[in-house]
Structures are given as structure tokens and as C-alpha cells.
Amino acid sequence: MKPGTRLTGPPKLNPPGDGPTSQGARIHSLDTVRGLALFGVLIINLDSEFRVTLFEQFQPAALAAASSSFDRLVSMLFGLLIEFKAFAVFSLLFGVGLAMQFDRLRESSRSRVLVRRLLVLLMFGVVHLTLIWNGDILTEYAIAGLVVIPLLGRSRLTLGVAAAGAMLLYLVVPWLPLPFSFPSAEWIDSHVTTARAVYGSGSFLEVLRFRIEELPQIAKLHAYVFPRTVALMLLGALIWRSGALKPGHGARSPIRSAGAVLVVLGAAASITAIPGVAPGWIGSVSTGAAPVLLAVGYAALVWVISSSRPGWLVNWAAPAGQMAFTNYILQSVVLGLLFYGYGAGLMGKLGVSAGLGVSILLFLLQVIASSFWLRFYRYGPLEWVWRSLTYGSVQSWKRPDPRIANGM
């Protein structure tokens, strides 16, 4: 088999052990779903957290006033189709991955390896949110994963009840007394003005200092959605434990049907969430539920398409998904150099549609680069570091020379 050749038959999962998953055990449809989710994350991050400052998304009137009619249309489509959904898909896939690793590892080493893996991810997340970009999601994923690990060995019923409970908690958060308060409109207005000046024209050290000062307020946003992240990870573990995603299960038709139903329900919830369409509490619940329903529906439909005849429509994103960790960090580095003052200083200077063009170009370059890289290496560079630190030994990452493998 030539390096980079895609498996055509169902891969065989590794038997229980202590090492990382082999390339033959990869489920490539998951890479496709992950790659497209990464594309969605890039679009939203560039639009709402690099093109403008993070807290400007809470000034919708100001943003609308500064946009053209076409940009407002594009922004509306982002909100309806992508925003929050891509992040939710990532959370779901993270749970699938944890459950896969839990099943593959020996019982005696499961907790040790998984905890170490998440602690390494937490280390990467802290470095990312302080030195590169404070919109990081890795830190939250690592902490949520530590919450999920003790439940991975439980029954499917327990996983389902825990996922439903965490999601219910997320949906009722607006009515619960919180141990913190969100910033006032006056604070946001003042902060956005300062943030634009610092991020748009500041030096690296000035941006670093301001980025760290923002962390307490950003932490509140993460705390608010933390139950949803846990719920989706548990749901991902439950989906894996159901066997529907395992090679040879033959569950494509049920997954397709479930995906279609969830997308319809998510679209209905999105309509209900529009202010004035439904009573207040229904609209609030719909606002929280719609992204989750659509995210799971999207993931299901992409999974089915990826493993069927028209798979080429989506499978082009698989190389970027296989190197999602490296590509996610690289996106932050590139966007920081484009939009912050120590780089090109484009913050506040690009419209929504122009930002979309940058997202498309950057992601296509990542797909091409990832595909080329994976011809010679088993993993992306950061994936390799993550694996090596997790297992406490330097992992082999170069693909074997096909001439040697064929006995030439």
C-alpha cells in the first residue's frame, strides 16, 4: 500500500493494549466529520473573535450598523447554520474519542493513560490561551474530559442519564442563581474600545498583557456552557458504546434517519428561538437546544455521506480532520499574525464576507498541507508530541518506505 492510501475496507480496531491507536484502526469518517467541524470553527473564530474583538459579539446593534447588507446576510447564515454547531460537533467527537480509547486500553491502565492524556491537553490549552489566543477550547475540553472519565466504564443507561442531566442543567442555567455575574453593557462598550486599540495596534507584550487581563471574564463564558460540553462528550461516549460507529455495524440507514430528524428538529428550534416567535421560556430553551440538535444531526449526515458513494463531497476534509489538533493551533497562530498589531493589524478592517474568503483560503491550504504531510508521517506534529507525552515514550511517526515494506 502506498503512503497516504485510504483504506477501502472496514478498519480493524486494536486489541486492548497500552499504546496509541494504529493508523489501520482509524475510522476515517470521523476524520471527515472532524475536518468539516474544524472548518466551521475557523469560520466562526475568524468572524467573531479575530476580525473583531471577542466581546463585540455582544454588541449586535453596533456590528449590524457597521456592516453592509450582504455582510449582514452572511452573518445571519453563520448564526443559523454554523455558530455553536461546529463547537458542539467537536465536543461530541471528543467524547467518542475518549470512549474509543477507554475500550482499547487495558483495564489496569485506562485511568492512568486517559488522565495523563487530558493533563497534557490541559497544558497545551493553558499555553494556547495565554501566549496565542484566549478563545481556546482545549482547556475546557481537558477539564470536561476529566469529569467524564469516571463515567466511561458505566452502563449505557448511566451514560444516557448523565448526558441528559448535564444537558438539562445547561438548558435551565438562565434561571439559576450563578456565583458570578456577566459584564454590563457599559463595561462591554468600554472594553471593546480598548480591546480594538490593543489588539489592532499593540505589540506582542501589550497584546499578551491584555489577553491575560480578559481571562476572568472569558472564564465566565466557559463556565456557562460547561454543562453542555460535558453532556455532548457523554453523548459521544454513548454513541460509541451503542456500537453504531464501529466497523461492520451496518447502521448507516438508522444514522441517516436520525440525522435528518435531528436537523429538522434543530431547524424548528432555531425558528422558535427567534425573539417574539414563542413565549420567553420556550425561546430560551430553544436557543440552547437548537445548536445541539443541529450539531448531532450534521455529524450523523456527514458520517453517512462520508461512508457512501458520494463520499467525495465531504471526504476532502479528512486530512485536516486527522491533524485537527495541529491545524486548530496553527489557525490561531496565523489569524493572530493577520489581525493583531504585532502582525498585519487587520482587526476591524475586514467585513464578514471578506473574512469568510480568508477562512476558505486558509482551510484549503491546511487540507492540502495536511494531505501532503500525511503521505510521510502517521500524525500531525502536535498530535505526535501529544501522543509521546501521553505514553511517556517517543512515538514512531514516519510512515515506512513502501519499497522496504514490499521487500524491494
Protein backbone atom coordinates (compact mmCIF):
# COMPACT_ATOMS: atom_id res chain seq x y z
CA MET A 1 0.00 0.00 0.00
CA LYS A 2 1.39 3.41 -0.90
CA PRO A 3 1.84 6.01 1.84
CA GLY A 4 -1.34 8.02 2.30
CA THR A 5 -3.52 5.41 0.55
CA ARG A 6 -7.02 5.43 2.00
CA LEU A 7 -8.37 2.19 3.44
CA THR A 8 -11.26 0.88 1.40
CA GLY A 9 -12.43 -1.87 3.75
CA PRO A 10 -13.56 -1.52 7.33
CA PRO A 11 -10.56 -0.99 9.61
CA LYS A 12 -9.86 -3.38 12.45
CA LEU A 13 -9.71 -1.86 15.88
CA ASN A 14 -6.64 -2.50 18.02
CA PRO A 15 -6.93 -5.21 20.66
CA PRO A 16 -6.72 -3.91 24.24
CA GLY A 17 -3.28 -2.51 24.96
CA ASP A 18 -1.35 0.44 26.34
CA GLY A 19 -0.11 2.08 23.15
CA PRO A 20 -1.70 4.61 20.79
CA THR A 21 -4.20 3.69 18.11
CA SER A 22 -2.61 2.42 14.90
CA GLN A 23 -3.34 4.04 11.57
CA GLY A 24 -5.19 0.91 10.45
CA ALA A 25 -7.59 1.38 13.34
CA ARG A 26 -8.61 4.89 12.34
CA ILE A 27 -12.23 5.41 11.36
CA HIS A 28 -11.85 7.85 8.51
CA SER A 29 -15.44 9.04 8.52
CA LEU A 30 -14.71 10.52 11.96
CA ASP A 31 -11.77 12.40 10.44
CA THR A 32 -14.13 13.79 7.80
CA VAL A 33 -16.67 14.97 10.39
CA ARG A 34 -13.87 16.44 12.48
CA GLY A 35 -12.36 18.21 9.47
CA LEU A 36 -15.62 19.90 8.49
CA ALA A 37 -16.22 20.86 12.15
CA LEU A 38 -12.74 22.39 12.18
CA PHE A 39 -13.69 24.41 9.10
CA GLY A 40 -16.80 25.69 10.89
CA VAL A 41 -14.78 26.60 13.98
CA LEU A 42 -12.34 28.54 11.81
CA ILE A 43 -15.15 30.49 10.13
CA ILE A 44 -16.74 31.49 13.44
CA ASN A 45 -13.46 32.22 15.23
CA LEU A 46 -12.25 34.47 12.45
CA ASP A 47 -15.60 36.23 12.13
CA SER A 48 -16.38 36.92 15.78
CA GLU A 49 -13.08 36.71 17.65
CA PHE A 50 -10.26 37.80 15.30
CA ARG A 51 -11.89 40.03 12.68
CA VAL A 52 -13.39 41.92 15.62
CA THR A 53 -12.77 41.55 19.35
CA LEU A 54 -14.32 38.74 21.38
CA PHE A 55 -16.87 40.86 23.26
CA GLU A 56 -18.15 42.65 20.15
CA GLN A 57 -20.44 39.69 19.52
CA PHE A 58 -22.45 41.04 22.46
CA GLN A 59 -22.96 44.33 20.60
CA PRO A 60 -25.15 43.08 17.73
CA ALA A 61 -26.63 46.50 17.02
CA ALA A 62 -23.19 48.08 16.63
CA LEU A 63 -21.99 45.25 14.41
CA ALA A 64 -25.07 45.48 12.19
CA ALA A 65 -24.67 49.23 11.81
CA ALA A 66 -21.09 48.78 10.63
CA SER A 67 -21.92 46.07 8.07
CA SER A 68 -23.19 46.07 4.51
CA SER A 69 -26.46 44.36 3.63
CA PHE A 70 -24.57 41.41 2.13
CA ASP A 71 -22.37 41.09 5.20
CA ARG A 72 -25.45 41.10 7.42
CA LEU A 73 -26.92 38.29 5.32
CA VAL A 74 -23.71 36.25 5.56
CA SER A 75 -23.56 36.90 9.30
CA MET A 76 -27.15 35.73 9.71
CA LEU A 77 -26.35 32.49 7.84
CA PHE A 78 -23.34 31.96 10.11
CA GLY A 79 -25.61 32.26 13.12
CA LEU A 80 -28.26 29.91 11.74
CA LEU A 81 -26.03 27.24 10.22
CA ILE A 82 -22.60 27.24 11.90
CA GLU A 83 -22.29 29.24 15.12
CA PHE A 84 -22.12 26.95 18.20
CA LYS A 85 -22.83 23.91 15.99
CA ALA A 86 -19.21 23.34 14.96
CA PHE A 87 -18.03 23.58 18.57
CA ALA A 88 -20.77 21.16 19.62
CA VAL A 89 -19.65 18.64 16.97
CA PHE A 90 -16.10 18.87 18.34
CA SER A 91 -17.38 18.16 21.86
CA LEU A 92 -19.34 15.16 20.58
CA LEU A 93 -16.31 13.76 18.74
CA PHE A 94 -14.10 14.31 21.77
CA GLY A 95 -16.45 12.07 23.76
CA VAL A 96 -16.37 9.45 21.00
CA GLY A 97 -12.58 9.53 21.09
CA LEU A 98 -12.42 9.15 24.87
CA ALA A 99 -14.75 6.14 24.75
CA MET A 100 -12.74 4.54 21.92
CA GLN A 101 -9.53 4.89 23.91
CA PHE A 102 -11.20 3.64 27.08
CA ASP A 103 -12.36 0.47 25.29
CA ARG A 104 -8.98 -0.10 23.67
CA LEU A 105 -6.79 0.34 26.76
CA ARG A 106 -6.18 -2.40 29.28
CA GLU A 107 -8.35 -2.08 32.36
CA SER A 108 -5.28 -1.69 34.58
CA SER A 109 -4.04 1.36 32.65
CA ARG A 110 -7.20 3.07 31.45
CA SER A 111 -7.50 5.78 34.06
CA ARG A 112 -3.77 6.46 34.20
CA VAL A 113 -3.34 6.88 30.44
CA LEU A 114 -6.52 8.87 29.88
CA VAL A 115 -5.86 11.23 32.80
CA ARG A 116 -2.31 11.81 31.60
CA ARG A 117 -3.61 12.44 28.08
CA LEU A 118 -6.02 15.07 29.35
CA LEU A 119 -3.44 16.70 31.61
CA VAL A 120 -1.12 17.06 28.61
CA LEU A 121 -4.01 18.60 26.67
CA LEU A 122 -4.65 20.97 29.58
CA MET A 123 -1.02 22.05 29.43
CA PHE A 124 -1.34 22.79 25.71
CA GLY A 125 -4.59 24.66 26.35
CA VAL A 126 -3.09 26.91 29.02
CA VAL A 127 -0.15 27.77 26.75
CA HIS A 128 -2.54 28.43 23.86
CA LEU A 129 -4.91 30.71 25.76
CA THR A 130 -2.12 32.77 27.32
CA LEU A 131 0.51 33.04 24.60
CA ILE A 132 -1.54 32.74 21.40
CA TRP A 133 -5.29 33.33 21.81
CA ASN A 134 -7.62 33.37 24.80
CA GLY A 135 -10.58 31.94 22.87
CA ASP A 136 -9.03 28.50 23.44
CA ILE A 137 -11.33 25.47 23.78
CA LEU A 138 -8.66 22.89 24.68
CA THR A 139 -8.60 23.86 28.35
CA GLU A 140 -12.34 23.38 28.71
CA TYR A 141 -12.19 20.07 26.85
CA ALA A 142 -9.44 18.78 29.11
CA ILE A 143 -11.35 19.70 32.27
CA ALA A 144 -14.65 18.33 30.92
CA GLY A 145 -12.86 15.13 29.90
CA LEU A 146 -11.61 14.65 33.46
CA VAL A 147 -15.24 14.90 34.60
CA VAL A 148 -16.35 12.34 32.01
CA ILE A 149 -13.63 9.70 32.59
CA PRO A 150 -15.18 8.18 35.76
CA LEU A 151 -18.40 7.53 33.83
CA LEU A 152 -16.86 5.82 30.81
CA GLY A 153 -16.97 2.38 32.41
CA ARG A 154 -20.62 2.67 33.37
CA SER A 155 -23.60 1.22 31.52
CA ARG A 156 -25.20 2.86 28.50
CA LEU A 157 -28.18 3.74 30.67
CA THR A 158 -25.94 5.57 33.12
CA LEU A 159 -24.20 7.43 30.29
CA GLY A 160 -27.56 8.42 28.81
CA VAL A 161 -28.97 9.63 32.13
CA ALA A 162 -25.79 11.58 32.90
CA ALA A 163 -25.80 13.19 29.42
CA ALA A 164 -29.48 14.14 29.76
CA GLY A 165 -28.88 15.54 33.24
CA ALA A 166 -25.94 17.68 32.11
CA MET A 167 -27.92 18.96 29.12
CA LEU A 168 -30.91 19.77 31.32
CA LEU A 169 -28.63 21.69 33.66
CA TYR A 170 -27.33 23.69 30.69
CA LEU A 171 -30.84 24.49 29.48
CA VAL A 172 -32.02 25.75 32.90
CA VAL A 173 -28.87 27.76 33.68
CA PRO A 174 -30.61 31.05 32.67
CA TRP A 175 -32.97 30.62 35.63
CA LEU A 176 -30.39 29.51 38.18
CA PRO A 177 -28.55 31.80 40.62
CA LEU A 178 -24.94 31.89 39.43
CA PRO A 179 -21.88 32.51 41.60
CA PHE A 180 -20.77 35.22 39.18
CA SER A 181 -22.30 37.99 37.09
CA PHE A 182 -21.72 38.80 33.45
CA PRO A 183 -20.30 42.18 32.40
CA SER A 184 -22.69 45.09 31.99
CA ALA A 185 -23.36 46.74 28.65
CA GLU A 186 -21.35 49.76 29.78
CA TRP A 187 -18.36 47.56 30.63
CA ILE A 188 -18.59 45.81 27.26
CA ASP A 189 -18.73 49.10 25.35
CA SER A 190 -15.68 50.44 27.18
CA HIS A 191 -13.80 47.16 26.94
CA VAL A 192 -14.42 46.76 23.20
CA THR A 193 -12.98 50.22 22.51
CA THR A 194 -9.83 49.40 24.46
CA ALA A 195 -9.58 45.89 23.01
CA ARG A 196 -9.72 47.15 19.44
CA ALA A 197 -6.86 49.56 20.13
CA VAL A 198 -4.68 47.00 21.91
CA TYR A 199 -5.30 44.03 19.64
CA GLY A 200 -5.31 46.07 16.45
CA SER A 201 -2.09 48.01 17.02
CA GLY A 202 -0.40 46.73 20.18
CA SER A 203 2.94 44.97 20.44
CA PHE A 204 3.14 41.30 21.34
CA LEU A 205 3.74 42.08 25.02
CA GLU A 206 0.87 44.59 25.11
CA VAL A 207 -1.48 42.06 23.50
CA LEU A 208 -0.26 39.35 25.89
CA ARG A 209 -0.90 41.51 28.94
CA PHE A 210 -4.40 42.48 27.77
CA ARG A 211 -5.22 38.89 26.78
CA ILE A 212 -4.43 37.68 30.29
CA GLU A 213 -6.47 40.53 31.83
CA GLU A 214 -9.50 39.33 29.82
CA LEU A 215 -9.33 35.76 31.12
CA PRO A 216 -11.58 36.18 34.21
CA GLN A 217 -14.46 37.43 32.02
CA ILE A 218 -13.86 34.77 29.36
CA ALA A 219 -13.81 32.09 32.06
CA LYS A 220 -17.41 33.03 32.91
CA LEU A 221 -18.47 32.27 29.33
CA HIS A 222 -16.80 28.86 29.51
CA ALA A 223 -18.40 28.12 32.87
CA TYR A 224 -21.82 28.93 31.41
CA VAL A 225 -21.52 26.37 28.60
CA PHE A 226 -19.50 23.79 30.57
CA PRO A 227 -22.53 21.53 31.28
CA ARG A 228 -23.27 21.41 27.54
CA THR A 229 -19.69 20.37 26.80
CA VAL A 230 -19.90 17.57 29.37
CA ALA A 231 -23.32 16.49 28.03
CA LEU A 232 -22.06 16.26 24.46
CA MET A 233 -18.95 14.31 25.48
CA LEU A 234 -21.13 11.85 27.37
CA LEU A 235 -23.44 11.61 24.36
CA GLY A 236 -20.43 10.90 22.14
CA ALA A 237 -19.33 8.14 24.53
CA LEU A 238 -22.86 6.73 24.50
CA ILE A 239 -22.99 6.73 20.69
CA TRP A 240 -19.69 4.85 20.55
CA ARG A 241 -20.81 2.41 23.23
CA SER A 242 -24.00 1.71 21.24
CA GLY A 243 -21.83 0.20 18.50
CA ALA A 244 -23.36 2.30 15.71
CA LEU A 245 -19.99 3.74 14.68
CA LYS A 246 -17.97 0.56 14.92
CA PRO A 247 -16.74 -1.01 11.65
CA GLY A 248 -19.14 -3.51 10.14
CA HIS A 249 -22.10 -2.47 12.27
CA GLY A 250 -24.20 -1.59 9.22
CA ALA A 251 -26.11 1.22 10.94
CA ARG A 252 -25.95 3.69 8.06
CA SER A 253 -29.71 3.84 7.43
CA PRO A 254 -30.69 4.43 11.09
CA ILE A 255 -27.97 7.06 11.42
CA ARG A 256 -29.20 8.79 8.25
CA SER A 257 -32.78 8.80 9.54
CA ALA A 258 -31.72 10.06 12.96
CA GLY A 259 -29.60 12.79 11.37
CA ALA A 260 -32.46 14.00 9.19
CA VAL A 261 -34.89 14.08 12.14
CA LEU A 262 -32.40 15.98 14.32
CA VAL A 263 -31.74 18.57 11.61
CA VAL A 264 -35.49 19.15 11.20
CA LEU A 265 -35.95 19.45 14.97
CA GLY A 266 -32.94 21.77 15.19
CA ALA A 267 -34.31 23.97 12.41
CA ALA A 268 -37.67 24.14 14.19
CA ALA A 269 -35.96 25.04 17.45
CA SER A 270 -33.96 27.74 15.67
CA ILE A 271 -37.20 29.31 14.42
CA THR A 272 -38.75 29.05 17.88
CA ALA A 273 -35.68 30.76 19.35
CA ILE A 274 -36.28 33.92 17.29
CA PRO A 275 -37.43 36.66 19.68
CA GLY A 276 -41.20 37.07 19.64
CA VAL A 277 -41.97 33.73 18.00
CA ALA A 278 -42.57 31.78 21.22
CA PRO A 279 -43.04 32.56 24.92
CA GLY A 280 -39.89 33.57 26.78
CA TRP A 281 -39.01 30.27 28.46
CA ILE A 282 -39.66 28.27 25.28
CA GLY A 283 -37.48 30.62 23.28
CA SER A 284 -34.70 30.36 25.87
CA VAL A 285 -34.78 26.55 25.87
CA SER A 286 -34.87 26.52 22.07
CA THR A 287 -31.85 28.82 21.94
CA GLY A 288 -29.87 26.30 23.96
CA ALA A 289 -31.23 23.17 22.29
CA ALA A 290 -31.10 24.20 18.62
CA PRO A 291 -27.28 24.15 18.20
CA VAL A 292 -27.04 20.76 19.90
CA LEU A 293 -29.77 19.18 17.76
CA LEU A 294 -28.29 20.60 14.57
CA ALA A 295 -24.74 19.63 15.53
CA VAL A 296 -25.61 15.98 16.17
CA GLY A 297 -27.75 15.93 13.02
CA TYR A 298 -24.95 17.44 10.92
CA ALA A 299 -22.45 14.91 12.29
CA ALA A 300 -24.77 11.99 11.53
CA LEU A 301 -25.45 13.08 7.95
CA VAL A 302 -21.79 13.81 7.19
CA TRP A 303 -20.89 10.40 8.63
CA VAL A 304 -23.36 8.70 6.28
CA ILE A 305 -22.26 10.70 3.23
CA SER A 306 -18.59 10.04 4.00
CA SER A 307 -19.08 6.27 4.01
CA SER A 308 -21.29 6.15 0.89
CA ARG A 309 -20.83 6.61 -2.86
CA PRO A 310 -20.90 10.45 -2.88
CA GLY A 311 -18.29 10.47 -0.12
CA TRP A 312 -16.01 12.66 -2.23
CA LEU A 313 -18.32 15.58 -1.43
CA VAL A 314 -17.05 15.63 2.14
CA ASN A 315 -14.01 13.35 2.38
CA TRP A 316 -11.71 16.03 1.02
CA ALA A 317 -11.73 17.49 4.57
CA ALA A 318 -10.49 14.26 6.21
CA PRO A 319 -6.73 15.07 6.12
CA ALA A 320 -7.34 18.32 8.03
CA GLY A 321 -9.50 16.39 10.49
CA GLN A 322 -6.82 13.78 11.07
CA MET A 323 -4.47 16.62 12.05
CA ALA A 324 -7.17 18.69 13.80
CA PHE A 325 -5.05 19.48 16.87
CA THR A 326 -2.15 20.85 14.83
CA ASN A 327 -4.46 22.69 12.45
CA TYR A 328 -6.50 24.25 15.27
CA ILE A 329 -3.38 25.72 16.93
CA LEU A 330 -1.98 26.76 13.56
CA GLN A 331 -5.20 28.62 12.76
CA SER A 332 -4.80 30.68 15.93
CA VAL A 333 -1.17 31.50 15.11
CA VAL A 334 -1.98 32.54 11.53
CA LEU A 335 -5.05 34.57 12.48
CA GLY A 336 -3.11 36.30 15.25
CA LEU A 337 -0.45 37.32 12.72
CA LEU A 338 -3.13 38.56 10.33
CA PHE A 339 -5.32 40.52 12.73
CA TYR A 340 -3.20 41.58 15.72
CA GLY A 341 -0.97 44.63 15.92
CA TYR A 342 2.28 42.63 16.04
CA GLY A 343 1.30 41.24 12.61
CA ALA A 344 -0.73 42.76 9.77
CA GLY A 345 -3.13 44.53 12.17
CA LEU A 346 -6.29 43.77 10.17
CA MET A 347 -8.64 43.75 13.15
CA GLY A 348 -11.71 45.86 12.41
CA LYS A 349 -10.68 46.33 8.78
CA LEU A 350 -12.34 43.32 7.09
CA GLY A 351 -16.05 42.75 6.53
CA VAL A 352 -17.83 39.48 7.20
CA SER A 353 -17.71 38.25 3.60
CA ALA A 354 -14.03 39.14 3.22
CA GLY A 355 -13.34 37.25 6.43
CA LEU A 356 -15.18 34.24 5.01
CA GLY A 357 -12.89 34.37 1.98
CA VAL A 358 -9.84 34.30 4.26
CA SER A 359 -11.31 31.32 6.15
CA ILE A 360 -11.90 29.35 2.96
CA LEU A 361 -8.41 30.05 1.64
CA LEU A 362 -6.71 29.18 4.93
CA PHE A 363 -8.63 25.93 5.35
CA LEU A 364 -7.99 24.78 1.78
CA LEU A 365 -4.28 25.40 2.34
CA GLN A 366 -4.49 23.34 5.52
CA VAL A 367 -6.22 20.48 3.71
CA ILE A 368 -3.52 20.47 1.02
CA ALA A 369 -0.68 20.72 3.56
CA SER A 370 -2.20 18.02 5.77
CA SER A 371 -2.66 15.66 2.84
CA PHE A 372 0.97 16.15 1.82
CA TRP A 373 2.24 15.75 5.40
CA LEU A 374 0.31 12.52 5.94
CA ARG A 375 1.99 10.93 2.95
CA PHE A 376 5.18 10.78 5.02
CA TYR A 377 4.03 10.89 8.65
CA ARG A 378 1.42 8.99 10.64
CA TYR A 379 0.31 12.01 12.70
CA GLY A 380 0.49 15.77 12.70
CA PRO A 381 3.43 17.29 14.62
CA LEU A 382 1.40 18.33 17.66
CA GLU A 383 -0.50 15.04 17.64
CA TRP A 384 2.88 13.31 17.76
CA VAL A 385 4.02 15.42 20.73
CA TRP A 386 0.69 14.79 22.49
CA ARG A 387 0.96 11.04 22.00
CA SER A 388 4.60 10.91 23.06
CA LEU A 389 3.91 12.81 26.29
CA THR A 390 0.80 10.73 26.97
CA TYR A 391 2.56 7.37 26.65
CA GLY A 392 5.85 8.52 28.15
CA SER A 393 7.95 7.50 25.16
CA VAL A 394 8.85 8.89 21.75
CA GLN A 395 6.30 7.56 19.27
CA SER A 396 7.19 6.39 15.79
CA TRP A 397 5.56 8.80 13.39
CA LYS A 398 7.21 8.32 9.99
CA ARG A 399 5.44 6.08 7.53
CA PRO A 400 7.55 3.15 6.33
CA ASP A 401 9.15 3.38 2.91
CA PRO A 402 6.81 1.40 0.58
CA ARG A 403 9.80 -0.12 -1.22
CA ILE A 404 11.08 -1.55 2.07
CA ALA A 405 7.59 -2.64 3.12
CA ASN A 406 7.22 -4.53 -0.18
CA GLY A 407 10.60 -6.24 0.23
CA MET A 408 12.34 -4.29 -2.52
